[in-house]
């Protein structure tokens, strides 16, 4: 398996790899729907705003130290979204976010 090839030594790292791959598959599906422009139009600050929305949601679900049940989106989904947004922000900051993605095959980084 991939975690064996990477020589991951801890079960936590192995589990994280699985979860990150699941998030990558979810991210890929979203990119097929939306493409990169919805992110590149507002850049890193736009991603930070989206992350803040997710953090505010978590805070409201843990109001006064008590966790209440989410109705429209699970807290797990919210955590997944935050982790994906964090990687998008990292890609933007390292100039790896594609500016265009015609047909989703020919994506080019925003800057060389």
PDB file of N, CA and C in Angstrom:
ATOM      1  N   UNK A   1       0.829  -1.189   0.000  1.00  0.00           N
ATOM      2  CA  UNK A   1       0.000   0.000   0.000  1.00  0.00           C
ATOM      3  C   UNK A   1       0.880   1.263   0.000  1.00  0.00           C
ATOM      4  N   UNK A   2       0.274   2.412  -0.305  1.00  0.00           N
ATOM      5  CA  UNK A   2       1.030   3.662  -0.418  1.00  0.00           C
ATOM      6  C   UNK A   2       1.734   4.025   0.884  1.00  0.00           C
ATOM      7  N   UNK A   3       1.076   3.804   2.022  1.00  0.00           N
ATOM      8  CA  UNK A   3       1.721   4.153   3.292  1.00  0.00           C
ATOM      9  C   UNK A   3       2.963   3.292   3.536  1.00  0.00           C
ATOM     10  N   UNK A   4       2.975   2.060   3.013  1.00  0.00           N
ATOM     11  CA  UNK A   4       4.178   1.224   3.106  1.00  0.00           C
ATOM     12  C   UNK A   4       5.295   1.795   2.239  1.00  0.00           C
ATOM     13  N   UNK A   5       4.946   2.234   1.025  1.00  0.00           N
ATOM     14  CA  UNK A   5       5.938   2.807   0.118  1.00  0.00           C
ATOM     15  C   UNK A   5       6.540   4.085   0.690  1.00  0.00           C
ATOM     16  N   UNK A   6       5.725   4.853   1.396  1.00  0.00           N
ATOM     17  CA  UNK A   6       6.204   6.091   2.003  1.00  0.00           C
ATOM     18  C   UNK A   6       6.931   5.850   3.312  1.00  0.00           C
ATOM     19  N   UNK A   7       6.885   4.612   3.779  1.00  0.00           N
ATOM     20  CA  UNK A   7       7.530   4.215   5.034  1.00  0.00           C
ATOM     21  C   UNK A   7       7.001   5.017   6.224  1.00  0.00           C
ATOM     22  N   UNK A   8       5.684   5.189   6.244  1.00  0.00           N
ATOM     23  CA  UNK A   8       5.067   5.865   7.384  1.00  0.00           C
ATOM     24  C   UNK A   8       5.143   4.929   8.581  1.00  0.00           C
ATOM     25  N   UNK A   9       5.623   5.453   9.691  1.00  0.00           N
ATOM     26  CA  UNK A   9       5.899   4.608  10.853  1.00  0.00           C
ATOM     27  C   UNK A   9       4.790   4.582  11.884  1.00  0.00           C
ATOM     28  N   UNK A  10       3.951   5.597  11.898  1.00  0.00           N
ATOM     29  CA  UNK A  10       2.924   5.618  12.941  1.00  0.00           C
ATOM     30  C   UNK A  10       1.541   5.364  12.348  1.00  0.00           C
ATOM     31  N   UNK A  11       0.695   4.788  13.154  1.00  0.00           N
ATOM     32  CA  UNK A  11      -0.674   4.535  12.692  1.00  0.00           C
ATOM     33  C   UNK A  11      -1.420   5.850  12.458  1.00  0.00           C
ATOM     34  N   UNK A  12      -1.080   6.893  13.219  1.00  0.00           N
ATOM     35  CA  UNK A  12      -1.720   8.196  13.016  1.00  0.00           C
ATOM     36  C   UNK A  12      -1.355   8.764  11.644  1.00  0.00           C
ATOM     37  N   UNK A  13      -0.094   8.636  11.245  1.00  0.00           N
ATOM     38  CA  UNK A  13       0.329   9.122   9.927  1.00  0.00           C
ATOM     39  C   UNK A  13      -0.331   8.312   8.818  1.00  0.00           C
ATOM     40  N   UNK A  14      -0.444   7.017   9.015  1.00  0.00           N
ATOM     41  CA  UNK A  14      -1.097   6.165   8.025  1.00  0.00           C
ATOM     42  C   UNK A  14      -2.571   6.544   7.866  1.00  0.00           C
ATOM     43  N   UNK A  15      -3.236   6.795   8.974  1.00  0.00           N
ATOM     44  CA  UNK A  15      -4.641   7.202   8.930  1.00  0.00           C
ATOM     45  C   UNK A  15      -4.777   8.583   8.287  1.00  0.00           C
ATOM     46  N   UNK A  16      -3.863   9.494   8.609  1.00  0.00           N
ATOM     47  CA  UNK A  16      -3.904  10.824   8.015  1.00  0.00           C
ATOM     48  C   UNK A  16      -3.764  10.743   6.501  1.00  0.00           C
ATOM     49  N   UNK A  17      -2.886   9.897   6.029  1.00  0.00           N
ATOM     50  CA  UNK A  17      -2.710   9.728   4.589  1.00  0.00           C
ATOM     51  C   UNK A  17      -4.023   9.293   3.942  1.00  0.00           C
ATOM     52  N   UNK A  18      -4.689   8.340   4.536  1.00  0.00           N
ATOM     53  CA  UNK A  18      -5.979   7.878   3.999  1.00  0.00           C
ATOM     54  C   UNK A  18      -6.994   9.014   3.954  1.00  0.00           C
ATOM     55  N   UNK A  19      -7.070   9.768   5.037  1.00  0.00           N
ATOM     56  CA  UNK A  19      -8.025  10.877   5.089  1.00  0.00           C
ATOM     57  C   UNK A  19      -7.673  11.962   4.087  1.00  0.00           C
ATOM     58  N   UNK A  20      -6.383  12.237   3.931  1.00  0.00           N
ATOM     59  CA  UNK A  20      -5.966  13.261   2.967  1.00  0.00           C
ATOM     60  C   UNK A  20      -6.264  12.813   1.536  1.00  0.00           C
ATOM     61  N   UNK A  21      -6.123  11.533   1.272  1.00  0.00           N
ATOM     62  CA  UNK A  21      -6.477  11.027  -0.054  1.00  0.00           C
ATOM     63  C   UNK A  21      -7.986  11.139  -0.287  1.00  0.00           C
ATOM     64  N   UNK A  22      -8.785  10.854   0.723  1.00  0.00           N
ATOM     65  CA  UNK A  22     -10.237  11.037   0.615  1.00  0.00           C
ATOM     66  C   UNK A  22     -10.566  12.505   0.336  1.00  0.00           C
ATOM     67  N   UNK A  23      -9.892  13.406   1.028  1.00  0.00           N
ATOM     68  CA  UNK A  23     -10.111  14.841   0.803  1.00  0.00           C
ATOM     69  C   UNK A  23      -9.685  15.246  -0.604  1.00  0.00           C
ATOM     70  N   UNK A  24      -8.607  14.650  -1.100  1.00  0.00           N
ATOM     71  CA  UNK A  24      -8.139  14.961  -2.450  1.00  0.00           C
ATOM     72  C   UNK A  24      -9.161  14.516  -3.490  1.00  0.00           C
ATOM     73  N   UNK A  25      -9.775  13.384  -3.277  1.00  0.00           N
ATOM     74  CA  UNK A  25     -10.818  12.905  -4.192  1.00  0.00           C
ATOM     75  C   UNK A  25     -12.023  13.849  -4.152  1.00  0.00           C
ATOM     76  N   UNK A  26     -12.419  14.279  -2.961  1.00  0.00           N
ATOM     77  CA  UNK A  26     -13.513  15.241  -2.828  1.00  0.00           C
ATOM     78  C   UNK A  26     -13.145  16.553  -3.515  1.00  0.00           C
ATOM     79  N   UNK A  27     -11.933  17.045  -3.288  1.00  0.00           N
ATOM     80  CA  UNK A  27     -11.445  18.271  -3.905  1.00  0.00           C
ATOM     81  C   UNK A  27     -11.475  18.159  -5.428  1.00  0.00           C
ATOM     82  N   UNK A  28     -11.034  17.029  -5.967  1.00  0.00           N
ATOM     83  CA  UNK A  28     -11.014  16.817  -7.410  1.00  0.00           C
ATOM     84  C   UNK A  28     -12.433  16.892  -7.988  1.00  0.00           C
ATOM     85  N   UNK A  29     -13.389  16.294  -7.304  1.00  0.00           N
ATOM     86  CA  UNK A  29     -14.782  16.346  -7.769  1.00  0.00           C
ATOM     87  C   UNK A  29     -15.293  17.785  -7.777  1.00  0.00           C
ATOM     88  N   UNK A  30     -14.959  18.539  -6.733  1.00  0.00           N
ATOM     89  CA  UNK A  30     -15.382  19.950  -6.667  1.00  0.00           C
ATOM     90  C   UNK A  30     -14.720  20.765  -7.774  1.00  0.00           C
ATOM     91  N   UNK A  31     -13.447  20.483  -8.053  1.00  0.00           N
ATOM     92  CA  UNK A  31     -12.762  21.199  -9.123  1.00  0.00           C
ATOM     93  C   UNK A  31     -13.374  20.893 -10.482  1.00  0.00           C
ATOM     94  N   UNK A  32     -13.848  19.670 -10.676  1.00  0.00           N
ATOM     95  CA  UNK A  32     -14.538  19.334 -11.924  1.00  0.00           C
ATOM     96  C   UNK A  32     -15.815  20.155 -12.060  1.00  0.00           C
ATOM     97  N   UNK A  33     -16.470  20.427 -10.947  1.00  0.00           N
ATOM     98  CA  UNK A  33     -17.695  21.236 -10.972  1.00  0.00           C
ATOM     99  C   UNK A  33     -17.407  22.718 -11.156  1.00  0.00           C
ATOM    100  N   UNK A  34     -16.409  23.240 -10.433  1.00  0.00           N
ATOM    101  CA  UNK A  34     -16.221  24.687 -10.343  1.00  0.00           C
ATOM    102  C   UNK A  34     -14.998  25.222 -11.071  1.00  0.00           C
ATOM    103  N   UNK A  35     -13.966  24.423 -11.249  1.00  0.00           N
ATOM    104  CA  UNK A  35     -12.726  24.926 -11.829  1.00  0.00           C
ATOM    105  C   UNK A  35     -11.986  25.816 -10.851  1.00  0.00           C
ATOM    106  N   UNK A  36     -10.851  26.376 -11.272  1.00  0.00           N
ATOM    107  CA  UNK A  36     -10.005  27.142 -10.355  1.00  0.00           C
ATOM    108  C   UNK A  36     -10.370  28.615 -10.207  1.00  0.00           C
ATOM    109  N   UNK A  37     -11.178  29.161 -11.113  1.00  0.00           N
ATOM    110  CA  UNK A  37     -11.422  30.607 -11.119  1.00  0.00           C
ATOM    111  C   UNK A  37     -12.120  31.102  -9.859  1.00  0.00           C
ATOM    112  N   UNK A  38     -13.016  30.301  -9.284  1.00  0.00           N
ATOM    113  CA  UNK A  38     -13.717  30.764  -8.085  1.00  0.00           C
ATOM    114  C   UNK A  38     -12.749  31.020  -6.936  1.00  0.00           C
ATOM    115  N   UNK A  39     -11.597  30.374  -6.958  1.00  0.00           N
ATOM    116  CA  UNK A  39     -10.568  30.602  -5.947  1.00  0.00           C
ATOM    117  C   UNK A  39      -9.617  31.705  -6.393  1.00  0.00           C
ATOM    118  N   UNK A  40      -9.129  31.619  -7.624  1.00  0.00           N
ATOM    119  CA  UNK A  40      -8.121  32.576  -8.078  1.00  0.00           C
ATOM    120  C   UNK A  40      -8.678  33.991  -8.198  1.00  0.00           C
ATOM    121  N   UNK A  41      -9.985  34.132  -8.320  1.00  0.00           N
ATOM    122  CA  UNK A  41     -10.579  35.474  -8.406  1.00  0.00           C
ATOM    123  C   UNK A  41     -10.331  36.289  -7.137  1.00  0.00           C
ATOM    124  N   UNK A  42     -10.288  35.628  -5.981  1.00  0.00           N
ATOM    125  CA  UNK A  42     -10.130  36.339  -4.712  1.00  0.00           C
ATOM    126  C   UNK A  42      -8.850  35.983  -3.967  1.00  0.00           C
ATOM    127  N   UNK A  43      -8.117  34.988  -4.449  1.00  0.00           N
ATOM    128  CA  UNK A  43      -6.816  34.641  -3.886  1.00  0.00           C
ATOM    129  C   UNK A  43      -6.860  34.135  -2.455  1.00  0.00           C
ATOM    130  N   UNK A  44      -5.722  34.234  -1.818  1.00  0.00           N
ATOM    131  CA  UNK A  44      -5.566  33.698  -0.469  1.00  0.00           C
ATOM    132  C   UNK A  44      -6.535  34.340   0.514  1.00  0.00           C
ATOM    133  N   UNK A  45      -6.749  35.646   0.393  1.00  0.00           N
ATOM    134  CA  UNK A  45      -7.662  36.301   1.328  1.00  0.00           C
ATOM    135  C   UNK A  45      -9.074  35.722   1.205  1.00  0.00           C
ATOM    136  N   UNK A  46      -9.516  35.445  -0.012  1.00  0.00           N
ATOM    137  CA  UNK A  46     -10.834  34.835  -0.205  1.00  0.00           C
ATOM    138  C   UNK A  46     -10.926  33.476   0.474  1.00  0.00           C
ATOM    139  N   UNK A  47      -9.844  32.697   0.409  1.00  0.00           N
ATOM    140  CA  UNK A  47      -9.821  31.385   1.067  1.00  0.00           C
ATOM    141  C   UNK A  47      -9.866  31.560   2.578  1.00  0.00           C
ATOM    142  N   UNK A  48      -9.149  32.552   3.091  1.00  0.00           N
ATOM    143  CA  UNK A  48      -9.169  32.825   4.535  1.00  0.00           C
ATOM    144  C   UNK A  48     -10.579  33.189   4.982  1.00  0.00           C
ATOM    145  N   UNK A  49     -11.296  33.965   4.182  1.00  0.00           N
ATOM    146  CA  UNK A  49     -12.681  34.312   4.518  1.00  0.00           C
ATOM    147  C   UNK A  49     -13.541  33.055   4.569  1.00  0.00           C
ATOM    148  N   UNK A  50     -13.378  32.172   3.590  1.00  0.00           N
ATOM    149  CA  UNK A  50     -14.146  30.918   3.588  1.00  0.00           C
ATOM    150  C   UNK A  50     -13.803  30.061   4.802  1.00  0.00           C
ATOM    151  N   UNK A  51     -12.511  30.015   5.148  1.00  0.00           N
ATOM    152  CA  UNK A  51     -12.113  29.257   6.336  1.00  0.00           C
ATOM    153  C   UNK A  51     -12.732  29.863   7.591  1.00  0.00           C
ATOM    154  N   UNK A  52     -12.752  31.188   7.651  1.00  0.00           N
ATOM    155  CA  UNK A  52     -13.350  31.853   8.804  1.00  0.00           C
ATOM    156  C   UNK A  52     -14.832  31.490   8.932  1.00  0.00           C
ATOM    157  N   UNK A  53     -15.537  31.434   7.825  1.00  0.00           N
ATOM    158  CA  UNK A  53     -16.944  31.012   7.868  1.00  0.00           C
ATOM    159  C   UNK A  53     -17.075  29.629   8.497  1.00  0.00           C
ATOM    160  N   UNK A  54     -16.173  28.737   8.127  1.00  0.00           N
ATOM    161  CA  UNK A  54     -16.208  27.369   8.675  1.00  0.00           C
ATOM    162  C   UNK A  54     -15.870  27.376  10.170  1.00  0.00           C
ATOM    163  N   UNK A  55     -14.879  28.188  10.567  1.00  0.00           N
ATOM    164  CA  UNK A  55     -14.543  28.275  11.997  1.00  0.00           C
ATOM    165  C   UNK A  55     -15.700  28.855  12.802  1.00  0.00           C
ATOM    166  N   UNK A  56     -16.381  29.841  12.257  1.00  0.00           N
ATOM    167  CA  UNK A  56     -17.548  30.410  12.946  1.00  0.00           C
ATOM    168  C   UNK A  56     -18.631  29.356  13.111  1.00  0.00           C
ATOM    169  N   UNK A  57     -18.802  28.522  12.112  1.00  0.00           N
ATOM    170  CA  UNK A  57     -19.774  27.436  12.203  1.00  0.00           C
ATOM    171  C   UNK A  57     -19.405  26.492  13.347  1.00  0.00           C
ATOM    172  N   UNK A  58     -18.137  26.114  13.418  1.00  0.00           N
ATOM    173  CA  UNK A  58     -17.693  25.220  14.494  1.00  0.00           C
ATOM    174  C   UNK A  58     -17.912  25.872  15.852  1.00  0.00           C
ATOM    175  N   UNK A  59     -17.562  27.154  15.960  1.00  0.00           N
ATOM    176  CA  UNK A  59     -17.760  27.848  17.233  1.00  0.00           C
ATOM    177  C   UNK A  59     -19.227  27.833  17.642  1.00  0.00           C
ATOM    178  N   UNK A  60     -20.121  28.032  16.682  1.00  0.00           N
ATOM    179  CA  UNK A  60     -21.540  28.038  17.039  1.00  0.00           C
ATOM    180  C   UNK A  60     -22.023  26.641  17.426  1.00  0.00           C
ATOM    181  N   UNK A  61     -21.413  25.611  16.853  1.00  0.00           N
ATOM    182  CA  UNK A  61     -21.796  24.242  17.213  1.00  0.00           C
ATOM    183  C   UNK A  61     -21.254  23.844  18.578  1.00  0.00           C
ATOM    184  N   UNK A  62     -20.238  24.548  19.056  1.00  0.00           N
ATOM    185  CA  UNK A  62     -19.681  24.298  20.382  1.00  0.00           C
ATOM    186  C   UNK A  62     -19.999  25.454  21.320  1.00  0.00           C
ATOM    187  N   UNK A  63     -21.123  26.051  21.154  1.00  0.00           N
ATOM    188  CA  UNK A  63     -21.533  27.194  21.952  1.00  0.00           C
ATOM    189  C   UNK A  63     -21.522  26.842  23.441  1.00  0.00           C
ATOM    190  N   UNK A  64     -20.832  27.663  24.208  1.00  0.00           N
ATOM    191  CA  UNK A  64     -20.726  27.507  25.669  1.00  0.00           C
ATOM    192  C   UNK A  64     -20.151  26.144  26.057  1.00  0.00           C
ATOM    193  N   UNK A  65     -19.251  25.637  25.246  1.00  0.00           N
ATOM    194  CA  UNK A  65     -18.578  24.387  25.564  1.00  0.00           C
ATOM    195  C   UNK A  65     -19.389  23.139  25.302  1.00  0.00           C
ATOM    196  N   UNK A  66     -20.608  23.311  24.873  1.00  0.00           N
ATOM    197  CA  UNK A  66     -21.454  22.155  24.575  1.00  0.00           C
ATOM    198  C   UNK A  66     -21.590  22.005  23.075  1.00  0.00           C
ATOM    199  N   UNK A  67     -21.496  20.797  22.627  1.00  0.00           N
ATOM    200  CA  UNK A  67     -21.630  20.533  21.190  1.00  0.00           C
ATOM    201  C   UNK A  67     -23.077  20.220  20.872  1.00  0.00           C
ATOM    202  N   UNK A  68     -23.623  20.978  19.935  1.00  0.00           N
ATOM    203  CA  UNK A  68     -24.985  20.670  19.498  1.00  0.00           C
ATOM    204  C   UNK A  68     -24.936  20.021  18.128  1.00  0.00           C
ATOM    205  N   UNK A  69     -25.958  19.327  17.811  1.00  0.00           N
ATOM    206  CA  UNK A  69     -26.017  18.580  16.554  1.00  0.00           C
ATOM    207  C   UNK A  69     -26.229  19.529  15.378  1.00  0.00           C
ATOM    208  N   UNK A  70     -25.432  19.345  14.326  1.00  0.00           N
ATOM    209  CA  UNK A  70     -25.576  20.143  13.115  1.00  0.00           C
ATOM    210  C   UNK A  70     -26.738  19.613  12.291  1.00  0.00           C
ATOM    211  N   UNK A  71     -27.450  20.524  11.643  1.00  0.00           N
ATOM    212  CA  UNK A  71     -28.603  20.128  10.843  1.00  0.00           C
ATOM    213  C   UNK A  71     -28.241  20.001   9.361  1.00  0.00           C
ATOM    214  N   UNK A  72     -27.566  20.992   8.809  1.00  0.00           N
ATOM    215  CA  UNK A  72     -27.338  21.029   7.365  1.00  0.00           C
ATOM    216  C   UNK A  72     -25.977  20.506   6.914  1.00  0.00           C
ATOM    217  N   UNK A  73     -25.001  20.528   7.783  1.00  0.00           N
ATOM    218  CA  UNK A  73     -23.663  20.064   7.427  1.00  0.00           C
ATOM    219  C   UNK A  73     -23.023  19.531   8.699  1.00  0.00           C
ATOM    220  N   UNK A  74     -22.465  18.334   8.622  1.00  0.00           N
ATOM    221  CA  UNK A  74     -21.875  17.759   9.825  1.00  0.00           C
ATOM    222  C   UNK A  74     -20.599  18.491  10.204  1.00  0.00           C
ATOM    223  N   UNK A  75     -20.257  18.389  11.460  1.00  0.00           N
ATOM    224  CA  UNK A  75     -19.014  19.015  11.919  1.00  0.00           C
ATOM    225  C   UNK A  75     -17.818  18.349  11.245  1.00  0.00           C
ATOM    226  N   UNK A  76     -17.936  17.072  10.938  1.00  0.00           N
ATOM    227  CA  UNK A  76     -16.855  16.377  10.223  1.00  0.00           C
ATOM    228  C   UNK A  76     -16.666  16.971   8.831  1.00  0.00           C
ATOM    229  N   UNK A  77     -17.774  17.245   8.145  1.00  0.00           N
ATOM    230  CA  UNK A  77     -17.682  17.890   6.833  1.00  0.00           C
ATOM    231  C   UNK A  77     -17.018  19.254   6.942  1.00  0.00           C
ATOM    232  N   UNK A  78     -17.336  19.973   7.996  1.00  0.00           N
ATOM    233  CA  UNK A  78     -16.746  21.300   8.214  1.00  0.00           C
ATOM    234  C   UNK A  78     -15.239  21.190   8.426  1.00  0.00           C
ATOM    235  N   UNK A  79     -14.803  20.227   9.222  1.00  0.00           N
ATOM    236  CA  UNK A  79     -13.366  20.013   9.418  1.00  0.00           C
ATOM    237  C   UNK A  79     -12.682  19.633   8.104  1.00  0.00           C
ATOM    238  N   UNK A  80     -13.339  18.797   7.311  1.00  0.00           N
ATOM    239  CA  UNK A  80     -12.770  18.430   5.999  1.00  0.00           C
ATOM    240  C   UNK A  80     -12.613  19.661   5.134  1.00  0.00           C
ATOM    241  N   UNK A  81     -13.645  20.497   5.086  1.00  0.00           N
ATOM    242  CA  UNK A  81     -13.585  21.716   4.273  1.00  0.00           C
ATOM    243  C   UNK A  81     -12.425  22.610   4.698  1.00  0.00           C
ATOM    244  N   UNK A  82     -12.243  22.758   6.002  1.00  0.00           N
ATOM    245  CA  UNK A  82     -11.142  23.601   6.499  1.00  0.00           C
ATOM    246  C   UNK A  82      -9.802  23.036   6.043  1.00  0.00           C
ATOM    247  N   UNK A  83      -9.631  21.728   6.132  1.00  0.00           N
ATOM    248  CA  UNK A  83      -8.346  21.144   5.731  1.00  0.00           C
ATOM    249  C   UNK A  83      -8.108  21.333   4.236  1.00  0.00           C
ATOM    250  N   UNK A  84      -9.146  21.220   3.434  1.00  0.00           N
ATOM    251  CA  UNK A  84      -8.996  21.434   1.996  1.00  0.00           C
ATOM    252  C   UNK A  84      -8.692  22.906   1.716  1.00  0.00           C
ATOM    253  N   UNK A  85      -9.404  23.810   2.367  1.00  0.00           N
ATOM    254  CA  UNK A  85      -9.113  25.240   2.183  1.00  0.00           C
ATOM    255  C   UNK A  85      -7.677  25.579   2.597  1.00  0.00           C
ATOM    256  N   UNK A  86      -7.185  24.931   3.640  1.00  0.00           N
ATOM    257  CA  UNK A  86      -5.808  25.186   4.067  1.00  0.00           C
ATOM    258  C   UNK A  86      -4.825  24.784   2.972  1.00  0.00           C
ATOM    259  N   UNK A  87      -5.055  23.668   2.324  1.00  0.00           N
ATOM    260  CA  UNK A  87      -4.173  23.246   1.238  1.00  0.00           C
ATOM    261  C   UNK A  87      -4.310  24.157   0.021  1.00  0.00           C
ATOM    262  N   UNK A  88      -5.521  24.632  -0.253  1.00  0.00           N
ATOM    263  CA  UNK A  88      -5.705  25.584  -1.351  1.00  0.00           C
ATOM    264  C   UNK A  88      -4.906  26.852  -1.063  1.00  0.00           C
ATOM    265  N   UNK A  89      -4.984  27.353   0.167  1.00  0.00           N
ATOM    266  CA  UNK A  89      -4.225  28.547   0.542  1.00  0.00           C
ATOM    267  C   UNK A  89      -2.725  28.288   0.385  1.00  0.00           C
ATOM    268  N   UNK A  90      -2.285  27.117   0.779  1.00  0.00           N
ATOM    269  CA  UNK A  90      -0.871  26.763   0.624  1.00  0.00           C
ATOM    270  C   UNK A  90      -0.482  26.748  -0.851  1.00  0.00           C
ATOM    271  N   UNK A  91      -1.337  26.178  -1.688  1.00  0.00           N
ATOM    272  CA  UNK A  91      -1.059  26.163  -3.130  1.00  0.00           C
ATOM    273  C   UNK A  91      -0.991  27.580  -3.685  1.00  0.00           C
ATOM    274  N   UNK A  92      -1.888  28.450  -3.242  1.00  0.00           N
ATOM    275  CA  UNK A  92      -1.851  29.844  -3.682  1.00  0.00           C
ATOM    276  C   UNK A  92      -0.553  30.513  -3.250  1.00  0.00           C
ATOM    277  N   UNK A  93      -0.180  30.322  -2.006  1.00  0.00           N
ATOM    278  CA  UNK A  93       1.014  30.966  -1.456  1.00  0.00           C
ATOM    279  C   UNK A  93       2.311  30.437  -2.063  1.00  0.00           C
ATOM    280  N   UNK A  94       2.283  29.218  -2.583  1.00  0.00           N
ATOM    281  CA  UNK A  94       3.482  28.639  -3.208  1.00  0.00           C
ATOM    282  C   UNK A  94       3.392  28.688  -4.736  1.00  0.00           C
ATOM    283  N   UNK A  95       2.438  29.474  -5.233  1.00  0.00           N
ATOM    284  CA  UNK A  95       2.260  29.681  -6.673  1.00  0.00           C
ATOM    285  C   UNK A  95       1.987  28.391  -7.442  1.00  0.00           C
ATOM    286  N   UNK A  96       1.221  27.498  -6.839  1.00  0.00           N
ATOM    287  CA  UNK A  96       0.889  26.234  -7.493  1.00  0.00           C
ATOM    288  C   UNK A  96      -0.588  26.124  -7.848  1.00  0.00           C
ATOM    289  N   UNK A  97      -1.341  27.174  -7.591  1.00  0.00           N
ATOM    290  CA  UNK A  97      -2.759  27.145  -7.930  1.00  0.00           C
ATOM    291  C   UNK A  97      -2.919  27.438  -9.422  1.00  0.00           C
ATOM    292  N   UNK A  98      -3.678  26.613 -10.165  1.00  0.00           N
ATOM    293  CA  UNK A  98      -3.839  26.844 -11.606  1.00  0.00           C
ATOM    294  C   UNK A  98      -4.715  28.059 -11.887  1.00  0.00           C
ATOM    295  N   UNK A  99      -4.302  28.869 -12.837  1.00  0.00           N
ATOM    296  CA  UNK A  99      -5.084  30.038 -13.246  1.00  0.00           C
ATOM    297  C   UNK A  99      -6.266  29.622 -14.112  1.00  0.00           C
ATOM    298  N   UNK A 100      -5.993  28.747 -15.057  1.00  0.00           N
ATOM    299  CA  UNK A 100      -7.041  28.218 -15.937  1.00  0.00           C
ATOM    300  C   UNK A 100      -6.942  26.716 -15.935  1.00  0.00           C
ATOM    301  N   UNK A 101      -8.041  26.093 -16.276  1.00  0.00           N
ATOM    302  CA  UNK A 101      -8.101  24.641 -16.220  1.00  0.00           C
ATOM    303  C   UNK A 101      -9.068  24.158 -17.290  1.00  0.00           C
ATOM    304  N   UNK A 102      -8.821  24.521 -18.550  1.00  0.00           N
ATOM    305  CA  UNK A 102      -9.709  24.133 -19.651  1.00  0.00           C
ATOM    306  C   UNK A 102      -9.802  22.621 -19.724  1.00  0.00           C
ATOM    307  N   UNK A 103     -11.009  22.121 -19.660  1.00  0.00           N
ATOM    308  CA  UNK A 103     -11.189  20.682 -19.700  1.00  0.00           C
ATOM    309  C   UNK A 103     -10.580  19.965 -18.521  1.00  0.00           C
ATOM    310  N   UNK A 104     -10.067  20.718 -17.599  1.00  0.00           N
ATOM    311  CA  UNK A 104      -9.453  20.219 -16.370  1.00  0.00           C
ATOM    312  C   UNK A 104      -8.176  19.429 -16.619  1.00  0.00           C
ATOM    313  N   UNK A 105      -7.672  19.360 -17.882  1.00  0.00           N
ATOM    314  CA  UNK A 105      -6.425  18.629 -18.150  1.00  0.00           C
ATOM    315  C   UNK A 105      -5.218  19.536 -18.262  1.00  0.00           C
ATOM    316  N   UNK A 106      -5.405  20.773 -18.714  1.00  0.00           N
ATOM    317  CA  UNK A 106      -4.242  21.599 -19.022  1.00  0.00           C
ATOM    318  C   UNK A 106      -4.029  22.736 -18.023  1.00  0.00           C
ATOM    319  N   UNK A 107      -4.218  22.458 -16.769  1.00  0.00           N
ATOM    320  CA  UNK A 107      -4.040  23.476 -15.739  1.00  0.00           C
ATOM    321  C   UNK A 107      -2.596  23.942 -15.695  1.00  0.00           C
ATOM    322  N   UNK A 108      -2.435  25.240 -15.528  1.00  0.00           N
ATOM    323  CA  UNK A 108      -1.096  25.830 -15.431  1.00  0.00           C
ATOM    324  C   UNK A 108      -1.000  26.592 -14.137  1.00  0.00           C
ATOM    325  N   UNK A 109       0.145  26.534 -13.459  1.00  0.00           N
ATOM    326  CA  UNK A 109       0.292  27.342 -12.240  1.00  0.00           C
ATOM    327  C   UNK A 109       0.114  28.826 -12.552  1.00  0.00           C
ATOM    328  N   UNK A 110      -0.340  29.592 -11.558  1.00  0.00           N
ATOM    329  CA  UNK A 110      -0.583  31.023 -11.770  1.00  0.00           C
ATOM    330  C   UNK A 110       0.685  31.758 -12.122  1.00  0.00           C
ATOM    331  N   UNK A 111       1.804  31.392 -11.520  1.00  0.00           N
ATOM    332  CA  UNK A 111       3.102  32.018 -11.800  1.00  0.00           C
ATOM    333  C   UNK A 111       4.156  30.939 -11.881  1.00  0.00           C
ATOM    334  N   UNK A 112       5.182  31.166 -12.701  1.00  0.00           N
ATOM    335  CA  UNK A 112       6.238  30.133 -12.796  1.00  0.00           C
ATOM    336  C   UNK A 112       7.018  29.956 -11.518  1.00  0.00           C
TER     337      UNK A 112
END
